[in-house]
Amino acid sequence: MTKTLARMDSDAAQASPPPTSLTAWISCCILGALWGAPFVAILLWSLSTQALRSVLTLVFTTILVTMPLAACARTWRRFFLWTFPLWIVAAAYSTCTIVSDKVPGRPVALLLSGTSWEEILGLFAVWQQKWMTLPIAGILALYLILACRLPVWPVLSRKMTAVVRVLLVLTVPMAVYSAQNFAQLTAGIALNPIIGSVMFFGVQMPRAHDELQGKLVVKSPFHAQRSGTDEEVHVLIVGESARRASWSAYGYARATTPYLDRLQKDGEAIFLQDAMSDANLTILAVPSILTGITPREEAAGRHRGGNLLDLAKEAGYATSWFVNQDIGVSTSMGIAADHLEYPPDLHEGLFSRRTLDETLLPAYRREIARTGQSRLIGMHVMGSHWEYYLRYPKSFQRFGSPQKLSMLSSPTTDRSMFDTLVDAYDNSVLYTDWFLQQVIEQARGLQVPATVTFTPDHGEASPSLDGGAVGHGSAQYVPAEFQIPAFIWVNAAYRKAHPEKVAALEANASKEIRSHDVFYTVADLMDITWPGAAPERSFASERFVPDATKEHLARGVLTTRP
């Protein structure tokens, strides 16, 4: 290898002798500083966040990646020009890592794979720091100008060859030490902006694309068709951690749902009085809603070969899926909508995302405004998930103060915190009421038949109101974790077009409604039929029969409630 490097050095030197110009030397130094900036930045970040073996892995992989690139280029001009695209990617990779405090992985890949150019332009239009594009463009232009004007200066001069040899020798003990812990070695490799970028775009991005296209889930066709042909719009909102007894629409003393209270008073929406969740964990409850699978089937490991959006697509509906939740819940069912919205959240917390549900509204308004085809618009929102005080803006801080709360407040046994938890939760319900108002009022402007169905994944226990029980996911049956609010709003055009369905909804509103009934009901509202349809499972049908099994999944275990 030494002979090869020496020969390349000699050839390059003969082709063009090293320049002595001070300007060229300064230009080369500036280019070296720019090119190394992403590596230095991520190295400094990793010193305080990563294990020593991972840091050393970053160092020796940087050496091992840079040296062959430089040797192949043979001159500094070619090196800086050839690696310009890699430098841009490395800079973006380092920036993303430092800003989000972790290397880009599956969440970022899913975000990028699900983002259209229209959405990118929309985000840029509202970006508050557009001025940053000028210095960024300036740095890129400076790099290219300096690189193009750089003389033909060989990379491997005699001094540089000596430096390379020393660096290569140093990589050996670093590699041996780092290899003693495979996890830290792997983490260090991922830290390298060039190697990490190759791994990200070569592995994570293709897999994310397949996930969002539903290709990782085995599906079977429904053979669905729609009875009618007129344009209709149906909206399904899957909420989160909604405690029925904390909604004033269900008799709660505080006015937590003033808008829904008015809808109920005016008879515009059908509120289900005995809606029950199938499971007290999101990952189990949402599949029940979107595939119709029962708790017993889910406990036995059975899965449906398709979901509600697949069914709607087969029947000729355009589909949209807007997610402000764990995207993995959606991809686990193979949801592949015509339009996907998954807002970025670079500051996602330990328990969940921190973006507000209102970030979905611009995409929803765009989809509602489309015409010419029937549409199913689905949303999976954060609702009232813990941490409650992060689920609403300050303007909705109507009850109490969240100052004493932290992410560890929920499981606390300190009774002095109970009232504060109730206040924060009630504020999150108030914000949900406002969010639902935006959705419904936008749909109200449609002239075609339209419905808005709301059902949460599960309920939520409050320690001061539910005998000390906290949150959701208990291993035993806790009523508040399964008793949920749910309703269906229908516009005048839908009432006129489908009076029999509206009559059935009103007649069945007081019966026990289960999560797995929603799949069949929304399909029924959309006038979709297929060989596996079950009218007795649709509470929009006069043939509806309530589930009498009383079976639920409590932390994944099949449980029969008292």
Protein backbone atom coordinates (compact mmCIF):
# COMPACT_ATOMS: atom_id res chain seq x y z
CA MET A 1 0.00 0.00 0.00
CA THR A 2 2.94 2.33 0.81
CA LYS A 3 4.42 1.82 -2.66
CA THR A 4 1.07 2.59 -4.25
CA LEU A 5 0.67 5.81 -2.27
CA ALA A 6 4.21 6.84 -3.15
CA ARG A 7 3.64 6.16 -6.84
CA MET A 8 0.41 8.20 -6.81
CA ASP A 9 2.24 11.00 -5.03
CA SER A 10 4.99 10.97 -7.65
CA ASP A 11 2.53 10.93 -10.54
CA ALA A 12 0.51 13.80 -9.15
CA ALA A 13 3.62 15.83 -8.42
CA GLN A 14 4.87 15.35 -11.94
CA ALA A 15 1.52 16.34 -13.40
CA SER A 16 1.56 19.65 -11.57
CA PRO A 17 4.06 20.89 -9.02
CA PRO A 18 2.70 22.20 -5.72
CA PRO A 19 1.84 25.87 -5.92
CA THR A 20 3.50 28.28 -3.59
CA SER A 21 0.79 30.93 -3.77
CA LEU A 22 -0.34 32.12 -0.33
CA THR A 23 -3.86 32.64 -1.73
CA ALA A 24 -4.05 29.02 -2.87
CA TRP A 25 -2.80 27.84 0.50
CA ILE A 26 -5.40 29.91 2.35
CA SER A 27 -8.15 28.70 -0.01
CA CYS A 28 -7.16 25.09 0.64
CA CYS A 29 -7.24 25.68 4.40
CA ILE A 30 -10.69 27.29 4.21
CA LEU A 31 -11.99 24.39 2.14
CA GLY A 32 -10.50 21.92 4.61
CA ALA A 33 -12.21 23.72 7.49
CA LEU A 34 -15.55 23.74 5.68
CA TRP A 35 -15.27 20.09 4.67
CA GLY A 36 -14.32 19.00 8.17
CA ALA A 37 -16.93 21.15 9.96
CA PRO A 38 -19.71 18.49 9.95
CA PHE A 39 -17.31 15.92 11.40
CA VAL A 40 -15.92 18.27 14.04
CA ALA A 41 -19.43 19.41 15.03
CA ILE A 42 -20.73 15.89 15.51
CA LEU A 43 -17.51 14.93 17.32
CA LEU A 44 -17.97 17.77 19.83
CA TRP A 45 -21.62 16.80 20.29
CA SER A 46 -20.77 13.13 20.79
CA LEU A 47 -18.16 13.90 23.49
CA SER A 48 -20.97 14.84 25.87
CA THR A 49 -23.64 12.39 24.68
CA GLN A 50 -21.92 9.17 23.56
CA ALA A 51 -19.71 6.47 25.06
CA LEU A 52 -15.95 6.70 24.53
CA ARG A 53 -15.91 3.70 22.18
CA SER A 54 -18.53 5.34 19.98
CA VAL A 55 -16.51 8.57 19.86
CA LEU A 56 -13.35 6.69 18.90
CA THR A 57 -15.30 4.78 16.25
CA LEU A 58 -16.40 8.10 14.79
CA VAL A 59 -12.77 9.25 14.67
CA PHE A 60 -11.23 6.18 13.04
CA THR A 61 -14.09 5.72 10.54
CA THR A 62 -13.67 9.35 9.51
CA ILE A 63 -10.00 8.66 8.82
CA LEU A 64 -10.74 5.44 6.94
CA VAL A 65 -13.42 7.11 4.80
CA THR A 66 -11.50 10.29 4.03
CA MET A 67 -8.16 8.73 3.09
CA PRO A 68 -9.40 6.56 0.17
CA LEU A 69 -11.48 9.43 -1.18
CA ALA A 70 -8.46 11.72 -1.13
CA ALA A 71 -6.18 9.05 -2.63
CA CYS A 72 -8.62 8.44 -5.51
CA ALA A 73 -8.96 12.15 -6.21
CA ARG A 74 -5.14 12.59 -6.14
CA THR A 75 -5.45 16.41 -6.13
CA TRP A 76 -7.15 18.69 -3.62
CA ARG A 77 -9.20 20.35 -6.34
CA ARG A 78 -10.72 17.06 -7.47
CA PHE A 79 -11.19 15.93 -3.87
CA PHE A 80 -13.21 18.98 -2.85
CA LEU A 81 -15.26 18.99 -6.08
CA TRP A 82 -15.94 15.25 -6.16
CA THR A 83 -16.97 15.14 -2.51
CA PHE A 84 -19.14 18.28 -2.66
CA PRO A 85 -22.43 16.28 -2.69
CA LEU A 86 -21.17 14.10 0.18
CA TRP A 87 -20.24 17.23 2.12
CA ILE A 88 -23.76 18.65 1.74
CA VAL A 89 -25.33 15.39 2.91
CA ALA A 90 -22.85 15.13 5.79
CA ALA A 91 -23.64 18.69 6.89
CA ALA A 92 -27.38 17.98 6.82
CA TYR A 93 -26.87 14.71 8.70
CA SER A 94 -24.77 16.38 11.40
CA THR A 95 -27.23 19.26 11.77
CA CYS A 96 -30.19 16.91 12.13
CA THR A 97 -28.30 14.83 14.69
CA ILE A 98 -27.31 17.80 16.84
CA VAL A 99 -30.70 19.54 16.65
CA SER A 100 -32.73 16.42 17.45
CA ASP A 101 -30.10 15.03 19.86
CA LYS A 102 -30.01 11.68 18.04
CA VAL A 103 -28.87 10.34 14.69
CA PRO A 104 -31.52 10.30 11.94
CA GLY A 105 -33.41 7.03 12.03
CA ARG A 106 -36.78 5.54 11.26
CA PRO A 107 -38.91 8.54 12.39
CA VAL A 108 -36.98 10.93 10.12
CA ALA A 109 -37.07 8.44 7.25
CA LEU A 110 -40.84 8.07 7.61
CA LEU A 111 -41.21 11.85 7.75
CA LEU A 112 -39.16 12.39 4.58
CA SER A 113 -40.80 9.50 2.74
CA GLY A 114 -44.26 10.83 3.51
CA THR A 115 -43.58 14.46 2.59
CA SER A 116 -44.57 15.81 -0.81
CA TRP A 117 -42.97 18.74 -2.62
CA GLU A 118 -46.17 20.68 -2.04
CA GLU A 119 -45.79 20.16 1.72
CA ILE A 120 -42.10 21.10 1.61
CA LEU A 121 -42.92 24.35 -0.17
CA GLY A 122 -45.71 24.98 2.32
CA LEU A 123 -43.35 24.49 5.26
CA PHE A 124 -40.80 26.78 3.66
CA ALA A 125 -43.46 29.45 3.16
CA VAL A 126 -44.18 29.57 6.92
CA TRP A 127 -40.56 29.06 8.01
CA GLN A 128 -39.59 31.90 10.33
CA GLN A 129 -35.86 31.72 9.54
CA LYS A 130 -35.92 32.10 5.75
CA TRP A 131 -33.04 34.53 6.06
CA MET A 132 -30.79 31.55 6.79
CA THR A 133 -31.03 30.47 3.15
CA LEU A 134 -28.79 33.41 2.18
CA PRO A 135 -25.77 32.49 4.35
CA ILE A 136 -26.25 28.81 3.48
CA ALA A 137 -26.26 29.62 -0.24
CA GLY A 138 -23.26 31.87 0.32
CA ILE A 139 -21.27 29.11 2.00
CA LEU A 140 -22.10 26.66 -0.79
CA ALA A 141 -21.08 29.20 -3.42
CA LEU A 142 -17.85 30.00 -1.56
CA TYR A 143 -16.99 26.31 -1.37
CA LEU A 144 -17.48 25.78 -5.11
CA ILE A 145 -15.64 28.96 -6.11
CA LEU A 146 -12.64 28.17 -3.94
CA ALA A 147 -12.58 24.55 -5.09
CA CYS A 148 -12.75 25.48 -8.78
CA ARG A 149 -10.00 28.07 -8.44
CA LEU A 150 -7.73 25.81 -6.45
CA PRO A 151 -4.54 24.90 -8.36
CA VAL A 152 -3.77 21.29 -9.23
CA TRP A 153 -2.19 20.51 -5.90
CA PRO A 154 -1.39 16.84 -5.15
CA VAL A 155 -2.97 15.38 -2.05
CA LEU A 156 -0.14 13.00 -1.18
CA SER A 157 2.99 15.07 -0.85
CA ARG A 158 5.84 13.61 1.17
CA LYS A 159 4.72 15.35 4.36
CA MET A 160 1.11 14.37 3.82
CA THR A 161 2.09 10.75 3.18
CA ALA A 162 3.83 10.69 6.55
CA VAL A 163 0.74 12.11 8.23
CA VAL A 164 -1.45 9.50 6.53
CA ARG A 165 0.77 6.69 7.76
CA VAL A 166 0.60 7.97 11.34
CA LEU A 167 -3.20 8.30 11.19
CA LEU A 168 -3.62 4.82 9.74
CA VAL A 169 -1.46 3.37 12.50
CA LEU A 170 -3.54 5.16 15.14
CA THR A 171 -6.77 3.69 13.76
CA VAL A 172 -5.66 0.17 14.72
CA PRO A 173 -5.77 0.51 18.52
CA MET A 174 -8.91 2.65 18.27
CA ALA A 175 -10.65 -0.02 16.17
CA VAL A 176 -9.52 -2.84 18.49
CA TYR A 177 -10.76 -0.98 21.58
CA SER A 178 -14.09 0.01 20.01
CA ALA A 179 -14.77 -3.52 18.72
CA GLN A 180 -14.97 -4.80 22.30
CA ASN A 181 -18.52 -3.45 22.54
CA PHE A 182 -20.54 -4.14 19.42
CA ALA A 183 -23.45 -1.84 20.34
CA GLN A 184 -21.14 1.13 20.92
CA LEU A 185 -19.18 0.29 17.78
CA THR A 186 -22.39 0.30 15.74
CA ALA A 187 -23.52 3.56 17.33
CA GLY A 188 -20.17 5.14 16.47
CA ILE A 189 -20.38 4.02 12.85
CA ALA A 190 -23.84 5.61 12.62
CA LEU A 191 -22.36 8.85 13.97
CA ASN A 192 -20.08 9.21 10.96
CA PRO A 193 -21.90 11.72 8.72
CA ILE A 194 -20.90 9.99 5.48
CA ILE A 195 -21.37 6.36 6.56
CA GLY A 196 -24.49 7.28 8.52
CA SER A 197 -25.95 9.06 5.49
CA VAL A 198 -25.28 6.04 3.27
CA MET A 199 -26.96 3.76 5.83
CA PHE A 200 -29.86 6.18 6.19
CA PHE A 201 -30.57 6.62 2.49
CA GLY A 202 -29.65 3.07 1.53
CA VAL A 203 -31.51 1.20 4.27
CA GLN A 204 -33.82 3.42 6.34
CA MET A 205 -35.39 5.38 3.49
CA PRO A 206 -36.34 2.38 1.29
CA ARG A 207 -37.81 0.59 4.30
CA ALA A 208 -39.73 3.70 5.36
CA HIS A 209 -41.11 4.04 1.84
CA ASP A 210 -42.27 0.42 1.91
CA GLU A 211 -43.84 0.96 5.35
CA LEU A 212 -45.83 3.97 4.18
CA GLN A 213 -46.93 2.08 1.09
CA GLY A 214 -48.17 -0.80 3.27
CA LYS A 215 -45.80 -3.23 1.53
CA LEU A 216 -44.56 -4.78 4.77
CA VAL A 217 -48.02 -6.03 5.72
CA VAL A 218 -49.59 -9.00 3.94
CA LYS A 219 -53.01 -7.99 2.66
CA SER A 220 -55.96 -9.64 0.99
CA PRO A 221 -58.45 -7.81 -1.24
CA PHE A 222 -61.88 -7.05 0.20
CA HIS A 223 -63.61 -7.13 -3.22
CA ALA A 224 -65.49 -4.04 -2.08
CA GLN A 225 -67.84 -1.87 -4.06
CA ARG A 226 -69.93 1.18 -3.35
CA SER A 227 -73.68 1.20 -3.75
CA GLY A 228 -73.97 4.85 -4.79
CA THR A 229 -71.97 7.08 -7.11
CA ASP A 230 -72.59 10.60 -5.79
CA GLU A 231 -69.77 12.47 -4.10
CA GLU A 232 -69.60 12.14 -0.32
CA VAL A 233 -67.03 13.06 2.33
CA HIS A 234 -66.44 11.06 5.50
CA VAL A 235 -64.06 12.04 8.29
CA LEU A 236 -62.84 9.65 10.98
CA ILE A 237 -60.92 11.05 13.96
CA VAL A 238 -59.18 8.58 16.24
CA GLY A 239 -58.63 10.37 19.54
CA GLU A 240 -56.39 9.53 22.45
CA SER A 241 -56.89 8.86 26.18
CA ALA A 242 -60.39 10.35 26.29
CA ARG A 243 -62.10 9.86 29.66
CA ARG A 244 -65.84 9.94 29.04
CA ALA A 245 -66.70 11.22 32.51
CA SER A 246 -64.47 14.29 31.97
CA TRP A 247 -66.49 15.60 29.01
CA SER A 248 -69.28 18.04 29.86
CA ALA A 249 -71.18 16.58 26.91
CA TYR A 250 -71.57 13.53 29.15
CA GLY A 251 -72.49 15.44 32.30
CA TYR A 252 -69.12 16.56 33.71
CA ALA A 253 -69.53 19.61 35.94
CA ARG A 254 -66.82 21.66 34.24
CA ALA A 255 -67.57 23.05 30.79
CA THR A 256 -64.80 21.12 29.05
CA THR A 257 -66.67 20.62 25.75
CA PRO A 258 -68.71 23.80 25.14
CA TYR A 259 -68.86 23.35 21.38
CA LEU A 260 -69.93 19.72 21.54
CA ASP A 261 -72.47 20.66 24.21
CA ARG A 262 -74.14 22.96 21.67
CA LEU A 263 -74.11 20.25 18.99
CA GLN A 264 -75.75 17.86 21.39
CA LYS A 265 -78.36 20.40 22.42
CA ASP A 266 -79.20 21.18 18.79
CA GLY A 267 -79.33 17.50 17.84
CA GLU A 268 -76.68 17.88 15.14
CA ALA A 269 -74.58 14.98 16.39
CA ILE A 270 -75.42 11.54 17.72
CA PHE A 271 -73.51 10.93 20.96
CA LEU A 272 -72.95 7.30 21.90
CA GLN A 273 -73.89 6.85 25.53
CA ASP A 274 -72.19 3.50 26.17
CA ALA A 275 -69.14 3.38 23.91
CA MET A 276 -66.44 1.01 25.14
CA SER A 277 -62.85 0.60 24.02
CA ASP A 278 -61.60 -2.87 23.16
CA ALA A 279 -58.15 -2.28 24.70
CA ASN A 280 -56.41 0.16 27.02
CA LEU A 281 -53.25 0.43 24.90
CA THR A 282 -53.07 2.40 21.65
CA ILE A 283 -51.14 -0.26 19.72
CA LEU A 284 -54.00 -2.71 20.35
CA ALA A 285 -57.02 -0.39 20.34
CA VAL A 286 -56.43 1.40 17.02
CA PRO A 287 -56.26 -1.85 14.97
CA SER A 288 -59.66 -2.75 16.42
CA ILE A 289 -61.06 0.56 15.16
CA LEU A 290 -59.51 0.39 11.70
CA THR A 291 -59.75 -3.33 10.94
CA GLY A 292 -62.71 -4.55 12.99
CA ILE A 293 -60.69 -7.21 14.79
CA THR A 294 -62.17 -8.27 18.16
CA PRO A 295 -60.24 -8.58 21.45
CA ARG A 296 -60.40 -12.37 21.31
CA GLU A 297 -59.08 -12.43 17.74
CA GLU A 298 -56.31 -10.00 18.65
CA ALA A 299 -55.35 -12.03 21.73
CA ALA A 300 -55.10 -15.12 19.52
CA GLY A 301 -52.66 -13.31 17.22
CA ARG A 302 -55.04 -13.01 14.29
CA HIS A 303 -54.74 -10.06 11.93
CA ARG A 304 -56.96 -8.71 9.20
CA GLY A 305 -55.48 -8.58 5.72
CA GLY A 306 -56.46 -4.97 5.20
CA ASN A 307 -57.83 -1.86 6.90
CA LEU A 308 -60.57 0.71 6.49
CA LEU A 309 -58.55 2.81 4.04
CA ASP A 310 -57.88 -0.23 1.85
CA LEU A 311 -61.60 -0.96 1.85
CA ALA A 312 -62.46 2.64 0.91
CA LYS A 313 -59.88 2.66 -1.88
CA GLU A 314 -61.32 -0.49 -3.43
CA ALA A 315 -64.74 1.13 -3.37
CA GLY A 316 -63.51 4.19 -5.26
CA TYR A 317 -62.84 6.63 -2.42
CA ALA A 318 -59.81 8.91 -2.34
CA THR A 319 -58.12 8.40 1.03
CA SER A 320 -56.14 10.66 3.35
CA TRP A 321 -54.44 9.86 6.64
CA PHE A 322 -53.18 12.66 8.88
CA VAL A 323 -51.04 11.57 11.82
CA ASN A 324 -49.96 13.44 14.94
CA GLN A 325 -49.14 10.24 16.79
CA ASP A 326 -46.75 7.32 16.77
CA ILE A 327 -46.59 6.58 13.04
CA GLY A 328 -45.67 2.98 13.87
CA VAL A 329 -49.27 2.30 14.89
CA SER A 330 -50.39 3.20 11.37
CA THR A 331 -47.64 1.35 9.54
CA SER A 332 -48.22 -1.79 11.63
CA MET A 333 -51.60 -2.07 9.91
CA GLY A 334 -50.19 -1.28 6.48
CA ILE A 335 -52.09 1.99 6.11
CA ALA A 336 -51.25 3.41 2.69
CA ALA A 337 -53.32 6.52 1.97
CA ASP A 338 -53.41 8.55 -1.21
CA HIS A 339 -52.44 11.56 0.89
CA LEU A 340 -50.37 11.27 4.06
CA GLU A 341 -49.58 14.07 6.51
CA TYR A 342 -47.06 13.43 9.29
CA PRO A 343 -45.80 16.74 10.72
CA PRO A 344 -42.17 16.82 11.88
CA ASP A 345 -41.45 16.79 15.59
CA LEU A 346 -37.74 17.25 16.30
CA HIS A 347 -38.40 17.49 20.04
CA GLU A 348 -40.42 14.34 20.57
CA GLY A 349 -40.50 13.47 24.26
CA LEU A 350 -40.15 10.24 26.18
CA PHE A 351 -43.88 9.58 26.21
CA SER A 352 -45.03 10.99 22.89
CA ARG A 353 -44.93 13.76 20.30
CA ARG A 354 -45.08 17.40 21.33
CA THR A 355 -46.63 18.93 18.23
CA LEU A 356 -50.18 20.16 18.71
CA ASP A 357 -53.06 18.51 16.87
CA GLU A 358 -53.81 21.77 15.07
CA THR A 359 -50.76 21.15 12.85
CA LEU A 360 -53.00 18.74 10.92
CA LEU A 361 -55.62 21.35 10.11
CA PRO A 362 -53.98 22.94 7.02
CA ALA A 363 -53.74 19.52 5.31
CA TYR A 364 -57.31 18.75 6.37
CA ARG A 365 -58.59 22.00 4.89
CA ARG A 366 -56.81 21.29 1.62
CA GLU A 367 -58.36 17.84 1.43
CA ILE A 368 -61.84 19.05 2.32
CA ALA A 369 -61.58 21.65 -0.47
CA ARG A 370 -60.99 18.99 -3.14
CA THR A 371 -63.96 18.14 -5.30
CA GLY A 372 -65.00 15.59 -7.88
CA GLN A 373 -64.44 12.39 -5.90
CA SER A 374 -65.75 10.85 -2.72
CA ARG A 375 -63.23 11.07 0.11
CA LEU A 376 -62.36 9.33 3.35
CA ILE A 377 -60.23 11.54 5.58
CA GLY A 378 -58.72 9.89 8.65
CA MET A 379 -56.85 11.50 11.53
CA HIS A 380 -54.93 9.98 14.41
CA VAL A 381 -54.36 12.69 17.02
CA MET A 382 -52.61 13.13 20.37
CA GLY A 383 -55.78 14.24 22.13
CA SER A 384 -55.30 13.96 25.90
CA HIS A 385 -52.28 11.70 26.03
CA TRP A 386 -49.93 12.20 28.95
CA GLU A 387 -48.15 14.68 29.32
CA TYR A 388 -51.49 16.55 29.46
CA TYR A 389 -49.98 20.04 29.85
CA LEU A 390 -48.18 19.67 26.49
CA ARG A 391 -51.37 18.92 24.55
CA TYR A 392 -52.69 22.48 24.36
CA PRO A 393 -51.37 26.03 23.86
CA LYS A 394 -51.26 28.50 26.74
CA SER A 395 -54.48 30.12 25.57
CA PHE A 396 -56.35 26.99 26.69
CA GLN A 397 -54.97 27.09 30.23
CA ARG A 398 -58.41 27.74 31.70
CA PHE A 399 -58.27 25.43 34.72
CA GLY A 400 -55.49 25.61 37.31
CA SER A 401 -51.76 25.86 36.55
CA PRO A 402 -49.41 23.18 35.19
CA GLN A 403 -46.30 24.64 36.81
CA LYS A 404 -45.89 21.78 39.28
CA LEU A 405 -46.22 19.05 36.65
CA SER A 406 -43.46 17.10 34.94
CA MET A 407 -43.33 13.96 32.85
CA LEU A 408 -43.08 11.91 36.10
CA SER A 409 -46.11 13.51 37.77
CA SER A 410 -48.64 11.01 36.44
CA PRO A 411 -47.48 7.96 38.41
CA THR A 412 -46.85 9.94 41.58
CA THR A 413 -48.57 9.01 44.83
CA ASP A 414 -48.42 12.59 46.13
CA ARG A 415 -52.04 13.54 46.62
CA SER A 416 -51.19 17.23 46.46
CA MET A 417 -50.69 16.79 42.71
CA PHE A 418 -54.07 15.18 42.02
CA ASP A 419 -56.03 18.40 41.47
CA THR A 420 -53.31 19.77 39.21
CA LEU A 421 -53.47 16.62 37.09
CA VAL A 422 -57.24 17.02 36.76
CA ASP A 423 -56.84 20.67 35.74
CA ALA A 424 -54.26 19.87 33.05
CA TYR A 425 -56.34 16.98 31.73
CA ASP A 426 -59.49 19.13 31.56
CA ASN A 427 -57.57 21.77 29.62
CA SER A 428 -56.54 19.11 27.09
CA VAL A 429 -60.21 18.13 26.69
CA LEU A 430 -61.11 21.78 26.15
CA TYR A 431 -58.51 21.96 23.37
CA THR A 432 -59.85 18.74 21.82
CA ASP A 433 -63.29 20.35 21.79
CA TRP A 434 -61.85 23.32 19.89
CA PHE A 435 -60.02 21.03 17.46
CA LEU A 436 -63.20 19.10 16.74
CA GLN A 437 -64.98 22.38 16.17
CA GLN A 438 -62.48 23.29 13.45
CA VAL A 439 -62.97 19.93 11.77
CA ILE A 440 -66.75 19.95 11.89
CA GLU A 441 -67.22 23.58 10.90
CA GLN A 442 -64.99 23.04 7.88
CA ALA A 443 -67.10 20.04 6.91
CA ARG A 444 -70.27 22.04 7.47
CA GLY A 445 -69.44 24.14 4.42
CA LEU A 446 -69.74 21.13 2.11
CA GLN A 447 -72.79 20.85 -0.10
CA VAL A 448 -72.37 17.09 -0.53
CA PRO A 449 -73.31 14.47 2.11
CA ALA A 450 -70.72 14.44 4.89
CA THR A 451 -70.10 12.80 8.26
CA VAL A 452 -67.55 13.26 11.04
CA THR A 453 -66.99 10.30 13.35
CA PHE A 454 -64.97 10.65 16.54
CA THR A 455 -63.80 7.76 18.68
CA PRO A 456 -60.72 7.59 20.91
CA ASP A 457 -58.43 4.59 21.21
CA HIS A 458 -59.15 4.18 24.93
CA GLY A 459 -60.06 6.06 28.08
CA GLU A 460 -57.94 7.47 30.88
CA ALA A 461 -58.00 7.05 34.66
CA SER A 462 -57.61 10.03 36.98
CA PRO A 463 -56.22 9.25 40.46
CA SER A 464 -58.55 11.61 42.31
CA LEU A 465 -61.63 10.56 40.32
CA ASP A 466 -61.04 6.85 39.76
CA GLY A 467 -59.93 5.48 43.10
CA GLY A 468 -56.22 6.09 42.67
CA ALA A 469 -55.93 4.52 39.21
CA VAL A 470 -53.60 6.45 36.90
CA GLY A 471 -53.52 6.85 33.13
CA HIS A 472 -54.13 3.75 31.04
CA GLY A 473 -52.61 0.36 30.31
CA SER A 474 -53.53 -1.27 33.63
CA ALA A 475 -53.21 -5.03 33.86
CA GLN A 476 -56.74 -5.29 35.22
CA TYR A 477 -60.07 -3.85 34.12
CA VAL A 478 -60.41 -0.21 35.21
CA PRO A 479 -63.73 1.25 33.96
CA ALA A 480 -62.37 4.72 33.19
CA GLU A 481 -59.72 3.22 30.88
CA PHE A 482 -62.40 1.60 28.70
CA GLN A 483 -65.40 3.93 28.95
CA ILE A 484 -64.98 6.43 26.11
CA PRO A 485 -66.83 9.36 24.52
CA ALA A 486 -67.79 8.96 20.88
CA PHE A 487 -70.12 10.67 18.43
CA ILE A 488 -71.07 11.02 14.78
CA TRP A 489 -71.92 14.37 13.20
CA VAL A 490 -73.91 14.30 9.97
CA ASN A 491 -74.80 17.26 7.77
CA ALA A 492 -78.21 18.02 6.31
CA ALA A 493 -77.26 16.60 2.92
CA TYR A 494 -76.35 13.25 4.47
CA ARG A 495 -79.56 13.16 6.52
CA LYS A 496 -81.52 13.69 3.31
CA ALA A 497 -79.56 11.10 1.31
CA HIS A 498 -79.48 8.38 4.00
CA PRO A 499 -82.36 8.87 6.44
CA GLU A 500 -82.42 5.15 7.34
CA LYS A 501 -78.79 5.22 8.49
CA VAL A 502 -79.30 8.33 10.61
CA ALA A 503 -82.40 6.75 12.16
CA ALA A 504 -80.39 3.62 13.00
CA LEU A 505 -77.60 5.72 14.57
CA GLU A 506 -80.12 7.48 16.79
CA ALA A 507 -81.84 4.23 17.72
CA ASN A 508 -78.56 2.51 18.64
CA ALA A 509 -76.94 5.46 20.43
CA SER A 510 -77.81 4.14 23.91
CA LYS A 511 -76.58 0.59 23.24
CA GLU A 512 -73.10 -0.69 24.00
CA ILE A 513 -70.81 0.20 21.10
CA ARG A 514 -67.37 -1.39 20.84
CA SER A 515 -64.18 -0.25 19.06
CA HIS A 516 -64.41 -3.05 16.50
CA ASP A 517 -67.92 -1.88 15.56
CA VAL A 518 -66.48 1.39 14.19
CA PHE A 519 -64.85 -0.31 11.19
CA TYR A 520 -68.15 -1.78 10.00
CA THR A 521 -70.09 1.37 10.85
CA VAL A 522 -67.92 3.82 8.93
CA ALA A 523 -67.93 1.42 5.97
CA ASP A 524 -71.73 1.35 6.22
CA LEU A 525 -71.88 5.16 6.35
CA MET A 526 -69.83 5.21 3.14
CA ASP A 527 -72.32 2.80 1.53
CA ILE A 528 -69.63 0.16 0.95
CA THR A 529 -70.49 -3.51 0.60
CA TRP A 530 -68.18 -6.52 0.40
CA PRO A 531 -68.47 -10.29 0.99
CA GLY A 532 -67.21 -9.97 4.57
CA ALA A 533 -69.56 -7.13 5.55
CA ALA A 534 -71.42 -7.66 8.82
CA PRO A 535 -74.51 -5.42 9.14
CA GLU A 536 -75.03 -6.69 12.67
CA ARG A 537 -71.75 -5.02 13.63
CA SER A 538 -72.72 -1.61 12.21
CA PHE A 539 -74.58 0.70 14.56
CA ALA A 540 -75.66 2.62 11.44
CA SER A 541 -77.81 -0.41 10.61
CA GLU A 542 -81.17 -1.40 12.01
CA ARG A 543 -79.75 -4.96 12.18
CA PHE A 544 -77.08 -3.98 14.72
CA VAL A 545 -76.51 -6.42 17.59
CA PRO A 546 -74.36 -5.22 20.51
CA ASP A 547 -71.36 -7.32 21.49
CA ALA A 548 -72.36 -9.18 24.66
CA THR A 549 -69.02 -10.87 25.40
CA LYS A 550 -67.72 -8.12 27.73
CA GLU A 551 -64.23 -9.07 26.59
CA HIS A 552 -61.43 -6.50 26.55
CA LEU A 553 -57.66 -6.44 26.35
CA ALA A 554 -56.13 -5.13 29.60
CA ARG A 555 -52.47 -4.52 28.85
CA GLY A 556 -52.75 -7.06 26.07
CA VAL A 557 -54.36 -9.83 28.14
CA LEU A 558 -57.89 -10.97 27.32
CA THR A 559 -60.07 -9.94 30.26
CA THR A 560 -63.80 -10.21 30.94
CA ARG A 561 -65.18 -7.17 32.71
CA PRO A 562 -67.52 -7.59 35.69
